[in-house]
Structure formats: C-alpha cells, structure tokens
Amino acid sequence: MNAVYLVSEGILIYTIDGIIDQSSMLELENVKAEIPKGKDFMILALVPKFSGYKSLKVTKTALLFDFKMIPELTHYALVTDLAWLKNAVRFISIFLPKVSFRYFDLKAKEEAIDWLRR
C-alpha cells in the first residue's frame, strides 16, 4: 500500500494493489496520524486490485481504522474498475449520510481528484 496526506488540500490518498497486510495498515495509520485531530479530511482510494486481508487480525485493524476516521471524513472518492468493490462501498455509504461518496473508473483518476478539490 502507498499512502500520503496532502496537507494543503486535506486529502488522504492511498493505493491498494493486492493483499492488505499489517505493514500496509501501519503505513496508513502513520499517514493518518499526520492529520490534526478533529480536522475534516477527504479520501482518494485508488484500488487497481484488492485480494483481501492477510489475516483476521489485519481485517479487524482495518475495520477499526475505518470506524475511527468516520467523524472527520467528509468526502470519499473510490477509483477502481472492481464492480463488486464499488457496490460494497455503495452499501456502506447508506450508513454514512454525512459523507459524500463518488465512484470512478481507474482511467478517471484525475476526475476524482478534481471532484475532491471542489
């Protein structure tokens, strides 16, 4: 996983390209720690390939991580060609009415970035 926080724009960008393991979660947690507590932010998730989680422990870590960031999350742009993942996030979005969600194909990465910057 690659992760970076663009401070000036308030965008947390991460890329998933395979299996999420403990080191991936640690990297994401370290980048999330750069965001001041209580500061709203947006997410750009780039997912060319997602093969699941390395272990049950990593799955739990990922779910807790996601749950903890909900209060400050304002926008979530998912960039993927994986229809099942778009549908899963659409379902989750029903329970997060304060977060704006948009879904983009991989070729539309720049469009996703533009949407977040508005």
PDB file of N, CA and C in Angstrom:
ATOM      1  N   MET A   1       0.849  -1.179   0.000  1.00  0.00           N
ATOM      2  CA  MET A   1       0.000   0.000   0.000  1.00  0.00           C
ATOM      3  C   MET A   1       0.889   1.234   0.000  1.00  0.00           C
ATOM      4  N   ASN A   2       0.478   2.202  -0.737  1.00  0.00           N
ATOM      5  CA  ASN A   2       1.092   3.527  -0.724  1.00  0.00           C
ATOM      6  C   ASN A   2       0.096   4.476  -0.083  1.00  0.00           C
ATOM      7  N   ALA A   3       0.566   5.369   0.767  1.00  0.00           N
ATOM      8  CA  ALA A   3      -0.329   6.340   1.390  1.00  0.00           C
ATOM      9  C   ALA A   3       0.395   7.662   1.561  1.00  0.00           C
ATOM     10  N   VAL A   4      -0.342   8.754   1.355  1.00  0.00           N
ATOM     11  CA  VAL A   4       0.210  10.092   1.525  1.00  0.00           C
ATOM     12  C   VAL A   4      -0.933  11.027   1.920  1.00  0.00           C
ATOM     13  N   TYR A   5      -0.607  12.052   2.707  1.00  0.00           N
ATOM     14  CA  TYR A   5      -1.593  13.061   3.084  1.00  0.00           C
ATOM     15  C   TYR A   5      -1.165  14.389   2.493  1.00  0.00           C
ATOM     16  N   LEU A   6      -2.028  14.973   1.678  1.00  0.00           N
ATOM     17  CA  LEU A   6      -1.764  16.291   1.094  1.00  0.00           C
ATOM     18  C   LEU A   6      -2.323  17.340   2.050  1.00  0.00           C
ATOM     19  N   VAL A   7      -1.454  17.880   2.877  1.00  0.00           N
ATOM     20  CA  VAL A   7      -1.857  18.792   3.953  1.00  0.00           C
ATOM     21  C   VAL A   7      -2.641  19.981   3.415  1.00  0.00           C
ATOM     22  N   SER A   8      -2.130  20.618   2.376  1.00  0.00           N
ATOM     23  CA  SER A   8      -2.762  21.844   1.885  1.00  0.00           C
ATOM     24  C   SER A   8      -4.164  21.603   1.330  1.00  0.00           C
ATOM     25  N   GLU A   9      -4.453  20.364   0.913  1.00  0.00           N
ATOM     26  CA  GLU A   9      -5.755  20.073   0.329  1.00  0.00           C
ATOM     27  C   GLU A   9      -6.641  19.217   1.232  1.00  0.00           C
ATOM     28  N   GLY A  10      -6.059  18.692   2.301  1.00  0.00           N
ATOM     29  CA  GLY A  10      -6.832  17.859   3.215  1.00  0.00           C
ATOM     30  C   GLY A  10      -7.269  16.538   2.604  1.00  0.00           C
ATOM     31  N   ILE A  11      -6.411  15.982   1.737  1.00  0.00           N
ATOM     32  CA  ILE A  11      -6.749  14.733   1.056  1.00  0.00           C
ATOM     33  C   ILE A  11      -5.777  13.636   1.471  1.00  0.00           C
ATOM     34  N   LEU A  12      -6.327  12.545   1.975  1.00  0.00           N
ATOM     35  CA  LEU A  12      -5.563  11.337   2.272  1.00  0.00           C
ATOM     36  C   LEU A  12      -5.694  10.424   1.055  1.00  0.00           C
ATOM     37  N   ILE A  13      -4.566  10.109   0.440  1.00  0.00           N
ATOM     38  CA  ILE A  13      -4.565   9.273  -0.759  1.00  0.00           C
ATOM     39  C   ILE A  13      -3.907   7.949  -0.423  1.00  0.00           C
ATOM     40  N   TYR A  14      -4.574   6.859  -0.770  1.00  0.00           N
ATOM     41  CA  TYR A  14      -3.932   5.556  -0.610  1.00  0.00           C
ATOM     42  C   TYR A  14      -4.229   4.667  -1.808  1.00  0.00           C
ATOM     43  N   THR A  15      -3.298   3.761  -2.066  1.00  0.00           N
ATOM     44  CA  THR A  15      -3.416   2.816  -3.169  1.00  0.00           C
ATOM     45  C   THR A  15      -3.377   1.403  -2.619  1.00  0.00           C
ATOM     46  N   ILE A  16      -4.340   0.606  -3.025  1.00  0.00           N
ATOM     47  CA  ILE A  16      -4.361  -0.818  -2.693  1.00  0.00           C
ATOM     48  C   ILE A  16      -4.188  -1.576  -4.001  1.00  0.00           C
ATOM     49  N   ASP A  17      -3.202  -2.443  -4.043  1.00  0.00           N
ATOM     50  CA  ASP A  17      -2.952  -3.216  -5.266  1.00  0.00           C
ATOM     51  C   ASP A  17      -2.604  -4.654  -4.891  1.00  0.00           C
ATOM     52  N   GLY A  18      -3.545  -5.324  -4.239  1.00  0.00           N
ATOM     53  CA  GLY A  18      -3.310  -6.697  -3.822  1.00  0.00           C
ATOM     54  C   GLY A  18      -3.849  -6.948  -2.437  1.00  0.00           C
ATOM     55  N   ILE A  19      -3.058  -7.631  -1.626  1.00  0.00           N
ATOM     56  CA  ILE A  19      -3.455  -8.000  -0.267  1.00  0.00           C
ATOM     57  C   ILE A  19      -3.031  -6.919   0.727  1.00  0.00           C
ATOM     58  N   ILE A  20      -3.921  -6.611   1.673  1.00  0.00           N
ATOM     59  CA  ILE A  20      -3.578  -5.673   2.743  1.00  0.00           C
ATOM     60  C   ILE A  20      -3.008  -6.478   3.903  1.00  0.00           C
ATOM     61  N   ASP A  21      -1.792  -6.107   4.311  1.00  0.00           N
ATOM     62  CA  ASP A  21      -1.147  -6.788   5.434  1.00  0.00           C
ATOM     63  C   ASP A  21      -0.905  -5.796   6.566  1.00  0.00           C
ATOM     64  N   GLN A  22      -0.285  -6.271   7.637  1.00  0.00           N
ATOM     65  CA  GLN A  22      -0.061  -5.428   8.813  1.00  0.00           C
ATOM     66  C   GLN A  22       0.804  -4.216   8.491  1.00  0.00           C
ATOM     67  N   SER A  23       1.825  -4.381   7.660  1.00  0.00           N
ATOM     68  CA  SER A  23       2.690  -3.247   7.315  1.00  0.00           C
ATOM     69  C   SER A  23       1.921  -2.196   6.510  1.00  0.00           C
ATOM     70  N   SER A  24       0.977  -2.648   5.683  1.00  0.00           N
ATOM     71  CA  SER A  24       0.131  -1.701   4.941  1.00  0.00           C
ATOM     72  C   SER A  24      -0.706  -0.866   5.893  1.00  0.00           C
ATOM     73  N   MET A  25      -1.283  -1.523   6.888  1.00  0.00           N
ATOM     74  CA  MET A  25      -2.108  -0.805   7.859  1.00  0.00           C
ATOM     75  C   MET A  25      -1.269   0.148   8.694  1.00  0.00           C
ATOM     76  N   LEU A  26      -0.075  -0.256   9.041  1.00  0.00           N
ATOM     77  CA  LEU A  26       0.813   0.613   9.812  1.00  0.00           C
ATOM     78  C   LEU A  26       1.156   1.869   9.011  1.00  0.00           C
ATOM     79  N   GLU A  27       1.434   1.690   7.731  1.00  0.00           N
ATOM     80  CA  GLU A  27       1.727   2.844   6.868  1.00  0.00           C
ATOM     81  C   GLU A  27       0.532   3.788   6.815  1.00  0.00           C
ATOM     82  N   LEU A  28      -0.659   3.237   6.644  1.00  0.00           N
ATOM     83  CA  LEU A  28      -1.858   4.061   6.574  1.00  0.00           C
ATOM     84  C   LEU A  28      -2.112   4.777   7.901  1.00  0.00           C
ATOM     85  N   GLU A  29      -1.919   4.085   8.995  1.00  0.00           N
ATOM     86  CA  GLU A  29      -2.100   4.706  10.315  1.00  0.00           C
ATOM     87  C   GLU A  29      -1.088   5.823  10.546  1.00  0.00           C
ATOM     88  N   ASN A  30       0.146   5.645  10.103  1.00  0.00           N
ATOM     89  CA  ASN A  30       1.170   6.688  10.251  1.00  0.00           C
ATOM     90  C   ASN A  30       0.810   7.930   9.450  1.00  0.00           C
ATOM     91  N   VAL A  31       0.295   7.736   8.247  1.00  0.00           N
ATOM     92  CA  VAL A  31      -0.100   8.881   7.420  1.00  0.00           C
ATOM     93  C   VAL A  31      -1.328   9.552   8.025  1.00  0.00           C
ATOM     94  N   LYS A  32      -2.285   8.771   8.496  1.00  0.00           N
ATOM     95  CA  LYS A  32      -3.487   9.344   9.127  1.00  0.00           C
ATOM     96  C   LYS A  32      -3.111  10.164  10.359  1.00  0.00           C
ATOM     97  N   ALA A  33      -2.049   9.762  11.056  1.00  0.00           N
ATOM     98  CA  ALA A  33      -1.596  10.479  12.245  1.00  0.00           C
ATOM     99  C   ALA A  33      -1.115  11.894  11.913  1.00  0.00           C
ATOM    100  N   GLU A  34      -0.796  12.154  10.641  1.00  0.00           N
ATOM    101  CA  GLU A  34      -0.377  13.496  10.221  1.00  0.00           C
ATOM    102  C   GLU A  34      -1.551  14.475  10.190  1.00  0.00           C
ATOM    103  N   ILE A  35      -2.765  13.958  10.164  1.00  0.00           N
ATOM    104  CA  ILE A  35      -3.946  14.817  10.110  1.00  0.00           C
ATOM    105  C   ILE A  35      -4.272  15.268  11.533  1.00  0.00           C
ATOM    106  N   PRO A  36      -4.334  16.575  11.764  1.00  0.00           N
ATOM    107  CA  PRO A  36      -4.653  17.062  13.116  1.00  0.00           C
ATOM    108  C   PRO A  36      -5.993  16.521  13.605  1.00  0.00           C
ATOM    109  N   LYS A  37      -6.025  16.112  14.864  1.00  0.00           N
ATOM    110  CA  LYS A  37      -7.249  15.570  15.451  1.00  0.00           C
ATOM    111  C   LYS A  37      -8.379  16.588  15.330  1.00  0.00           C
ATOM    112  N   GLY A  38      -9.530  16.126  14.890  1.00  0.00           N
ATOM    113  CA  GLY A  38     -10.691  16.993  14.747  1.00  0.00           C
ATOM    114  C   GLY A  38     -10.759  17.735  13.430  1.00  0.00           C
ATOM    115  N   LYS A  39      -9.734  17.611  12.587  1.00  0.00           N
ATOM    116  CA  LYS A  39      -9.721  18.301  11.288  1.00  0.00           C
ATOM    117  C   LYS A  39     -10.401  17.426  10.235  1.00  0.00           C
ATOM    118  N   ASP A  40     -11.335  18.009   9.516  1.00  0.00           N
ATOM    119  CA  ASP A  40     -12.000  17.277   8.436  1.00  0.00           C
ATOM    120  C   ASP A  40     -11.000  16.953   7.331  1.00  0.00           C
ATOM    121  N   PHE A  41     -11.237  15.837   6.665  1.00  0.00           N
ATOM    122  CA  PHE A  41     -10.385  15.452   5.538  1.00  0.00           C
ATOM    123  C   PHE A  41     -11.185  14.628   4.547  1.00  0.00           C
ATOM    124  N   MET A  42     -10.573  14.393   3.386  1.00  0.00           N
ATOM    125  CA  MET A  42     -11.180  13.618   2.310  1.00  0.00           C
ATOM    126  C   MET A  42     -10.262  12.446   1.985  1.00  0.00           C
ATOM    127  N   ILE A  43     -10.827  11.433   1.329  1.00  0.00           N
ATOM    128  CA  ILE A  43     -10.038  10.267   0.942  1.00  0.00           C
ATOM    129  C   ILE A  43     -10.157  10.039  -0.553  1.00  0.00           C
ATOM    130  N   LEU A  44      -9.000   9.766  -1.157  1.00  0.00           N
ATOM    131  CA  LEU A  44      -8.930   9.286  -2.534  1.00  0.00           C
ATOM    132  C   LEU A  44      -8.357   7.874  -2.445  1.00  0.00           C
ATOM    133  N   ALA A  45      -9.195   6.868  -2.699  1.00  0.00           N
ATOM    134  CA  ALA A  45      -8.778   5.474  -2.633  1.00  0.00           C
ATOM    135  C   ALA A  45      -8.593   4.948  -4.051  1.00  0.00           C
ATOM    136  N   LEU A  46      -7.353   4.608  -4.379  1.00  0.00           N
ATOM    137  CA  LEU A  46      -7.023   4.059  -5.698  1.00  0.00           C
ATOM    138  C   LEU A  46      -6.856   2.552  -5.531  1.00  0.00           C
ATOM    139  N   VAL A  47      -7.711   1.779  -6.191  1.00  0.00           N
ATOM    140  CA  VAL A  47      -7.708   0.333  -5.976  1.00  0.00           C
ATOM    141  C   VAL A  47      -7.704  -0.417  -7.311  1.00  0.00           C
ATOM    142  N   PRO A  48      -6.504  -0.602  -7.893  1.00  0.00           N
ATOM    143  CA  PRO A  48      -6.440  -1.407  -9.115  1.00  0.00           C
ATOM    144  C   PRO A  48      -6.784  -2.874  -8.865  1.00  0.00           C
ATOM    145  N   LYS A  49      -6.376  -3.374  -7.684  1.00  0.00           N
ATOM    146  CA  LYS A  49      -6.593  -4.784  -7.352  1.00  0.00           C
ATOM    147  C   LYS A  49      -6.728  -4.903  -5.837  1.00  0.00           C
ATOM    148  N   PHE A  50      -7.722  -5.682  -5.400  1.00  0.00           N
ATOM    149  CA  PHE A  50      -7.878  -5.938  -3.965  1.00  0.00           C
ATOM    150  C   PHE A  50      -8.118  -7.422  -3.780  1.00  0.00           C
ATOM    151  N   SER A  51      -7.180  -8.079  -3.113  1.00  0.00           N
ATOM    152  CA  SER A  51      -7.245  -9.533  -2.918  1.00  0.00           C
ATOM    153  C   SER A  51      -7.601  -9.912  -1.490  1.00  0.00           C
ATOM    154  N   GLY A  52      -8.003  -8.956  -0.682  1.00  0.00           N
ATOM    155  CA  GLY A  52      -8.407  -9.243   0.679  1.00  0.00           C
ATOM    156  C   GLY A  52      -7.357  -8.850   1.704  1.00  0.00           C
ATOM    157  N   TYR A  53      -7.537  -9.378   2.906  1.00  0.00           N
ATOM    158  CA  TYR A  53      -6.655  -9.077   4.031  1.00  0.00           C
ATOM    159  C   TYR A  53      -5.788 -10.296   4.338  1.00  0.00           C
ATOM    160  N   LYS A  54      -4.588 -10.044   4.809  1.00  0.00           N
ATOM    161  CA  LYS A  54      -3.623 -11.104   5.100  1.00  0.00           C
ATOM    162  C   LYS A  54      -4.098 -12.029   6.231  1.00  0.00           C
ATOM    163  N   SER A  55      -4.816 -11.464   7.204  1.00  0.00           N
ATOM    164  CA  SER A  55      -5.253 -12.255   8.354  1.00  0.00           C
ATOM    165  C   SER A  55      -6.492 -11.621   8.975  1.00  0.00           C
ATOM    166  N   LEU A  56      -7.092 -12.344   9.881  1.00  0.00           N
ATOM    167  CA  LEU A  56      -8.235 -11.823  10.618  1.00  0.00           C
ATOM    168  C   LEU A  56      -7.837 -10.607  11.453  1.00  0.00           C
ATOM    169  N   LYS A  57      -6.633 -10.647  12.015  1.00  0.00           N
ATOM    170  CA  LYS A  57      -6.129  -9.516  12.809  1.00  0.00           C
ATOM    171  C   LYS A  57      -6.032  -8.252  11.954  1.00  0.00           C
ATOM    172  N   VAL A  58      -5.539  -8.383  10.733  1.00  0.00           N
ATOM    173  CA  VAL A  58      -5.427  -7.226   9.834  1.00  0.00           C
ATOM    174  C   VAL A  58      -6.821  -6.725   9.454  1.00  0.00           C
ATOM    175  N   THR A  59      -7.747  -7.639   9.239  1.00  0.00           N
ATOM    176  CA  THR A  59      -9.131  -7.254   8.923  1.00  0.00           C
ATOM    177  C   THR A  59      -9.711  -6.424  10.064  1.00  0.00           C
ATOM    178  N   LYS A  60      -9.514  -6.882  11.280  1.00  0.00           N
ATOM    179  CA  LYS A  60     -10.004  -6.161  12.459  1.00  0.00           C
ATOM    180  C   LYS A  60      -9.356  -4.782  12.551  1.00  0.00           C
ATOM    181  N   THR A  61      -8.045  -4.717  12.347  1.00  0.00           N
ATOM    182  CA  THR A  61      -7.322  -3.445  12.389  1.00  0.00           C
ATOM    183  C   THR A  61      -7.886  -2.476  11.351  1.00  0.00           C
ATOM    184  N   ALA A  62      -8.136  -2.982  10.144  1.00  0.00           N
ATOM    185  CA  ALA A  62      -8.655  -2.139   9.057  1.00  0.00           C
ATOM    186  C   ALA A  62     -10.051  -1.619   9.384  1.00  0.00           C
ATOM    187  N   LEU A  63     -10.902  -2.480   9.896  1.00  0.00           N
ATOM    188  CA  LEU A  63     -12.267  -2.066  10.231  1.00  0.00           C
ATOM    189  C   LEU A  63     -12.283  -1.027  11.354  1.00  0.00           C
ATOM    190  N   LEU A  64     -11.464  -1.232  12.367  1.00  0.00           N
ATOM    191  CA  LEU A  64     -11.370  -0.247  13.456  1.00  0.00           C
ATOM    192  C   LEU A  64     -10.808   1.080  12.951  1.00  0.00           C
ATOM    193  N   PHE A  65      -9.813   1.015  12.079  1.00  0.00           N
ATOM    194  CA  PHE A  65      -9.241   2.217  11.481  1.00  0.00           C
ATOM    195  C   PHE A  65     -10.328   2.998  10.744  1.00  0.00           C
ATOM    196  N   ASP A  66     -11.093   2.293   9.900  1.00  0.00           N
ATOM    197  CA  ASP A  66     -12.160   2.941   9.141  1.00  0.00           C
ATOM    198  C   ASP A  66     -13.193   3.569  10.073  1.00  0.00           C
ATOM    199  N   PHE A  67     -13.583   2.847  11.100  1.00  0.00           N
ATOM    200  CA  PHE A  67     -14.594   3.332  12.036  1.00  0.00           C
ATOM    201  C   PHE A  67     -14.133   4.607  12.749  1.00  0.00           C
ATOM    202  N   LYS A  68     -12.863   4.640  13.152  1.00  0.00           N
ATOM    203  CA  LYS A  68     -12.334   5.793  13.893  1.00  0.00           C
ATOM    204  C   LYS A  68     -12.251   7.058  13.052  1.00  0.00           C
ATOM    205  N   MET A  69     -12.127   6.924  11.740  1.00  0.00           N
ATOM    206  CA  MET A  69     -11.959   8.133  10.923  1.00  0.00           C
ATOM    207  C   MET A  69     -13.286   8.711  10.440  1.00  0.00           C
ATOM    208  N   ILE A  70     -14.384   8.030  10.671  1.00  0.00           N
ATOM    209  CA  ILE A  70     -15.682   8.488  10.176  1.00  0.00           C
ATOM    210  C   ILE A  70     -16.050   9.905  10.635  1.00  0.00           C
ATOM    211  N   PRO A  71     -15.855  10.278  11.902  1.00  0.00           N
ATOM    212  CA  PRO A  71     -16.301  11.616  12.321  1.00  0.00           C
ATOM    213  C   PRO A  71     -15.683  12.783  11.531  1.00  0.00           C
ATOM    214  N   GLU A  72     -14.453  12.650  11.062  1.00  0.00           N
ATOM    215  CA  GLU A  72     -13.796  13.748  10.345  1.00  0.00           C
ATOM    216  C   GLU A  72     -13.837  13.597   8.822  1.00  0.00           C
ATOM    217  N   LEU A  73     -14.325  12.470   8.338  1.00  0.00           N
ATOM    218  CA  LEU A  73     -14.351  12.212   6.897  1.00  0.00           C
ATOM    219  C   LEU A  73     -15.519  12.947   6.248  1.00  0.00           C
ATOM    220  N   THR A  74     -15.220  13.746   5.212  1.00  0.00           N
ATOM    221  CA  THR A  74     -16.282  14.495   4.536  1.00  0.00           C
ATOM    222  C   THR A  74     -16.573  13.965   3.130  1.00  0.00           C
ATOM    223  N   HIS A  75     -15.531  13.517   2.421  1.00  0.00           N
ATOM    224  CA  HIS A  75     -15.681  13.037   1.043  1.00  0.00           C
ATOM    225  C   HIS A  75     -14.828  11.792   0.839  1.00  0.00           C
ATOM    226  N   TYR A  76     -15.347  10.874   0.027  1.00  0.00           N
ATOM    227  CA  TYR A  76     -14.630   9.630  -0.257  1.00  0.00           C
ATOM    228  C   TYR A  76     -14.766   9.341  -1.751  1.00  0.00           C
ATOM    229  N   ALA A  77     -13.650   9.364  -2.456  1.00  0.00           N
ATOM    230  CA  ALA A  77     -13.629   9.050  -3.885  1.00  0.00           C
ATOM    231  C   ALA A  77     -12.958   7.694  -4.057  1.00  0.00           C
ATOM    232  N   LEU A  78     -13.708   6.733  -4.578  1.00  0.00           N
ATOM    233  CA  LEU A  78     -13.174   5.397  -4.839  1.00  0.00           C
ATOM    234  C   LEU A  78     -12.883   5.281  -6.325  1.00  0.00           C
ATOM    235  N   VAL A  79     -11.630   4.990  -6.646  1.00  0.00           N
ATOM    236  CA  VAL A  79     -11.201   4.852  -8.038  1.00  0.00           C
ATOM    237  C   VAL A  79     -10.808   3.401  -8.256  1.00  0.00           C
ATOM    238  N   THR A  80     -11.655   2.676  -8.986  1.00  0.00           N
ATOM    239  CA  THR A  80     -11.425   1.254  -9.226  1.00  0.00           C
ATOM    240  C   THR A  80     -12.262   0.783 -10.406  1.00  0.00           C
ATOM    241  N   ASP A  81     -11.846  -0.311 -10.992  1.00  0.00           N
ATOM    242  CA  ASP A  81     -12.651  -0.965 -12.019  1.00  0.00           C
ATOM    243  C   ASP A  81     -13.355  -2.198 -11.449  1.00  0.00           C
ATOM    244  N   LEU A  82     -13.220  -2.418 -10.149  1.00  0.00           N
ATOM    245  CA  LEU A  82     -13.814  -3.576  -9.494  1.00  0.00           C
ATOM    246  C   LEU A  82     -15.267  -3.270  -9.126  1.00  0.00           C
ATOM    247  N   ALA A  83     -16.198  -3.788  -9.903  1.00  0.00           N
ATOM    248  CA  ALA A  83     -17.623  -3.503  -9.690  1.00  0.00           C
ATOM    249  C   ALA A  83     -18.080  -3.954  -8.309  1.00  0.00           C
ATOM    250  N   TRP A  84     -17.613  -5.106  -7.854  1.00  0.00           N
ATOM    251  CA  TRP A  84     -18.050  -5.616  -6.548  1.00  0.00           C
ATOM    252  C   TRP A  84     -17.627  -4.671  -5.430  1.00  0.00           C
ATOM    253  N   LEU A  85     -16.444  -4.043  -5.563  1.00  0.00           N
ATOM    254  CA  LEU A  85     -15.966  -3.126  -4.531  1.00  0.00           C
ATOM    255  C   LEU A  85     -16.784  -1.834  -4.539  1.00  0.00           C
ATOM    256  N   LYS A  86     -17.091  -1.341  -5.721  1.00  0.00           N
ATOM    257  CA  LYS A  86     -17.948  -0.151  -5.806  1.00  0.00           C
ATOM    258  C   LYS A  86     -19.298  -0.429  -5.146  1.00  0.00           C
ATOM    259  N   ASN A  87     -19.856  -1.612  -5.400  1.00  0.00           N
ATOM    260  CA  ASN A  87     -21.149  -1.962  -4.807  1.00  0.00           C
ATOM    261  C   ASN A  87     -21.057  -2.096  -3.295  1.00  0.00           C
ATOM    262  N   ALA A  88     -19.974  -2.662  -2.803  1.00  0.00           N
ATOM    263  CA  ALA A  88     -19.795  -2.807  -1.351  1.00  0.00           C
ATOM    264  C   ALA A  88     -19.711  -1.436  -0.680  1.00  0.00           C
ATOM    265  N   VAL A  89     -18.965  -0.518  -1.278  1.00  0.00           N
ATOM    266  CA  VAL A  89     -18.833   0.822  -0.698  1.00  0.00           C
ATOM    267  C   VAL A  89     -20.149   1.594  -0.834  1.00  0.00           C
ATOM    268  N   ARG A  90     -20.879   1.379  -1.919  1.00  0.00           N
ATOM    269  CA  ARG A  90     -22.208   2.000  -2.043  1.00  0.00           C
ATOM    270  C   ARG A  90     -23.109   1.569  -0.890  1.00  0.00           C
ATOM    271  N   PHE A  91     -23.066   0.284  -0.567  1.00  0.00           N
ATOM    272  CA  PHE A  91     -23.870  -0.221   0.540  1.00  0.00           C
ATOM    273  C   PHE A  91     -23.454   0.447   1.851  1.00  0.00           C
ATOM    274  N   ILE A  92     -22.162   0.517   2.111  1.00  0.00           N
ATOM    275  CA  ILE A  92     -21.656   1.146   3.336  1.00  0.00           C
ATOM    276  C   ILE A  92     -22.061   2.613   3.403  1.00  0.00           C
ATOM    277  N   SER A  93     -22.071   3.282   2.253  1.00  0.00           N
ATOM    278  CA  SER A  93     -22.379   4.713   2.223  1.00  0.00           C
ATOM    279  C   SER A  93     -23.788   5.022   2.730  1.00  0.00           C
ATOM    280  N   ILE A  94     -24.688   4.056   2.655  1.00  0.00           N
ATOM    281  CA  ILE A  94     -26.054   4.238   3.152  1.00  0.00           C
ATOM    282  C   ILE A  94     -26.035   4.604   4.639  1.00  0.00           C
ATOM    283  N   PHE A  95     -25.059   4.057   5.352  1.00  0.00           N
ATOM    284  CA  PHE A  95     -24.971   4.264   6.793  1.00  0.00           C
ATOM    285  C   PHE A  95     -24.145   5.495   7.183  1.00  0.00           C
ATOM    286  N   LEU A  96     -23.632   6.208   6.188  1.00  0.00           N
ATOM    287  CA  LEU A  96     -22.794   7.388   6.446  1.00  0.00           C
ATOM    288  C   LEU A  96     -23.345   8.590   5.672  1.00  0.00           C
ATOM    289  N   PRO A  97     -24.505   9.094   6.047  1.00  0.00           N
ATOM    290  CA  PRO A  97     -25.137  10.162   5.273  1.00  0.00           C
ATOM    291  C   PRO A  97     -24.370  11.479   5.258  1.00  0.00           C
ATOM    292  N   LYS A  98     -23.466  11.692   6.202  1.00  0.00           N
ATOM    293  CA  LYS A  98     -22.720  12.956   6.240  1.00  0.00           C
ATOM    294  C   LYS A  98     -21.489  12.943   5.336  1.00  0.00           C
ATOM    295  N   VAL A  99     -21.176  11.784   4.756  1.00  0.00           N
ATOM    296  CA  VAL A  99     -20.013  11.655   3.882  1.00  0.00           C
ATOM    297  C   VAL A  99     -20.492  11.606   2.431  1.00  0.00           C
ATOM    298  N   SER A 100     -19.879  12.432   1.579  1.00  0.00           N
ATOM    299  CA  SER A 100     -20.189  12.396   0.148  1.00  0.00           C
ATOM    300  C   SER A 100     -19.310  11.340  -0.519  1.00  0.00           C
ATOM    301  N   PHE A 101     -19.943  10.416  -1.216  1.00  0.00           N
ATOM    302  CA  PHE A 101     -19.227   9.346  -1.910  1.00  0.00           C
ATOM    303  C   PHE A 101     -19.380   9.516  -3.418  1.00  0.00           C
ATOM    304  N   ARG A 102     -18.299   9.221  -4.145  1.00  0.00           N
ATOM    305  CA  ARG A 102     -18.343   9.140  -5.616  1.00  0.00           C
ATOM    306  C   ARG A 102     -17.454   7.996  -6.038  1.00  0.00           C
ATOM    307  N   TYR A 103     -17.805   7.402  -7.169  1.00  0.00           N
ATOM    308  CA  TYR A 103     -17.109   6.229  -7.680  1.00  0.00           C
ATOM    309  C   TYR A 103     -16.627   6.519  -9.090  1.00  0.00           C
ATOM    310  N   PHE A 104     -15.376   6.160  -9.351  1.00  0.00           N
ATOM    311  CA  PHE A 104     -14.749   6.457 -10.636  1.00  0.00           C
ATOM    312  C   PHE A 104     -14.020   5.210 -11.144  1.00  0.00           C
ATOM    313  N   ASP A 105     -13.956   5.084 -12.468  1.00  0.00           N
ATOM    314  CA  ASP A 105     -13.130   4.039 -13.069  1.00  0.00           C
ATOM    315  C   ASP A 105     -11.669   4.442 -12.947  1.00  0.00           C
ATOM    316  N   LEU A 106     -10.772   3.466 -13.052  1.00  0.00           N
ATOM    317  CA  LEU A 106      -9.334   3.755 -12.914  1.00  0.00           C
ATOM    318  C   LEU A 106      -8.863   4.825 -13.887  1.00  0.00           C
ATOM    319  N   LYS A 107      -9.407   4.824 -15.081  1.00  0.00           N
ATOM    320  CA  LYS A 107      -8.974   5.811 -16.083  1.00  0.00           C
ATOM    321  C   LYS A 107      -9.433   7.227 -15.739  1.00  0.00           C
ATOM    322  N   ALA A 108     -10.310   7.368 -14.747  1.00  0.00           N
ATOM    323  CA  ALA A 108     -10.858   8.677 -14.377  1.00  0.00           C
ATOM    324  C   ALA A 108     -10.261   9.219 -13.081  1.00  0.00           C
ATOM    325  N   LYS A 109      -9.034   8.860 -12.788  1.00  0.00           N
ATOM    326  CA  LYS A 109      -8.372   9.305 -11.553  1.00  0.00           C
ATOM    327  C   LYS A 109      -8.348  10.831 -11.441  1.00  0.00           C
ATOM    328  N   GLU A 110      -8.018  11.510 -12.515  1.00  0.00           N
ATOM    329  CA  GLU A 110      -7.950  12.979 -12.482  1.00  0.00           C
ATOM    330  C   GLU A 110      -9.317  13.591 -12.204  1.00  0.00           C
ATOM    331  N   GLU A 111     -10.360  12.986 -12.739  1.00  0.00           N
ATOM    332  CA  GLU A 111     -11.727  13.459 -12.479  1.00  0.00           C
ATOM    333  C   GLU A 111     -12.064  13.318 -10.985  1.00  0.00           C
ATOM    334  N   ALA A 112     -11.614  12.227 -10.381  1.00  0.00           N
ATOM    335  CA  ALA A 112     -11.836  12.017  -8.947  1.00  0.00           C
ATOM    336  C   ALA A 112     -11.113  13.081  -8.126  1.00  0.00           C
ATOM    337  N   ILE A 113      -9.881  13.380  -8.491  1.00  0.00           N
ATOM    338  CA  ILE A 113      -9.117  14.411  -7.792  1.00  0.00           C
ATOM    339  C   ILE A 113      -9.809  15.769  -7.935  1.00  0.00           C
ATOM    340  N   ASP A 114     -10.273  16.092  -9.132  1.00  0.00           N
ATOM    341  CA  ASP A 114     -10.991  17.351  -9.364  1.00  0.00           C
ATOM    342  C   ASP A 114     -12.249  17.429  -8.499  1.00  0.00           C
ATOM    343  N   TRP A 115     -12.970  16.324  -8.380  1.00  0.00           N
ATOM    344  CA  TRP A 115     -14.185  16.296  -7.564  1.00  0.00           C
ATOM    345  C   TRP A 115     -13.848  16.605  -6.108  1.00  0.00           C
ATOM    346  N   LEU A 116     -12.783  16.033  -5.595  1.00  0.00           N
ATOM    347  CA  LEU A 116     -12.401  16.292  -4.207  1.00  0.00           C
ATOM    348  C   LEU A 116     -11.951  17.742  -4.008  1.00  0.00           C
ATOM    349  N   ARG A 117     -11.332  18.329  -4.991  1.00  0.00           N
ATOM    350  CA  ARG A 117     -10.799  19.691  -4.864  1.00  0.00           C
ATOM    351  C   ARG A 117     -11.873  20.763  -4.956  1.00  0.00           C
ATOM    352  N   ARG A 118     -13.067  20.436  -5.351  1.00  0.00           N
ATOM    353  CA  ARG A 118     -14.135  21.444  -5.468  1.00  0.00           C
ATOM    354  C   ARG A 118     -14.564  21.975  -4.140  1.00  0.00           C
TER     355      ARG A 118
END
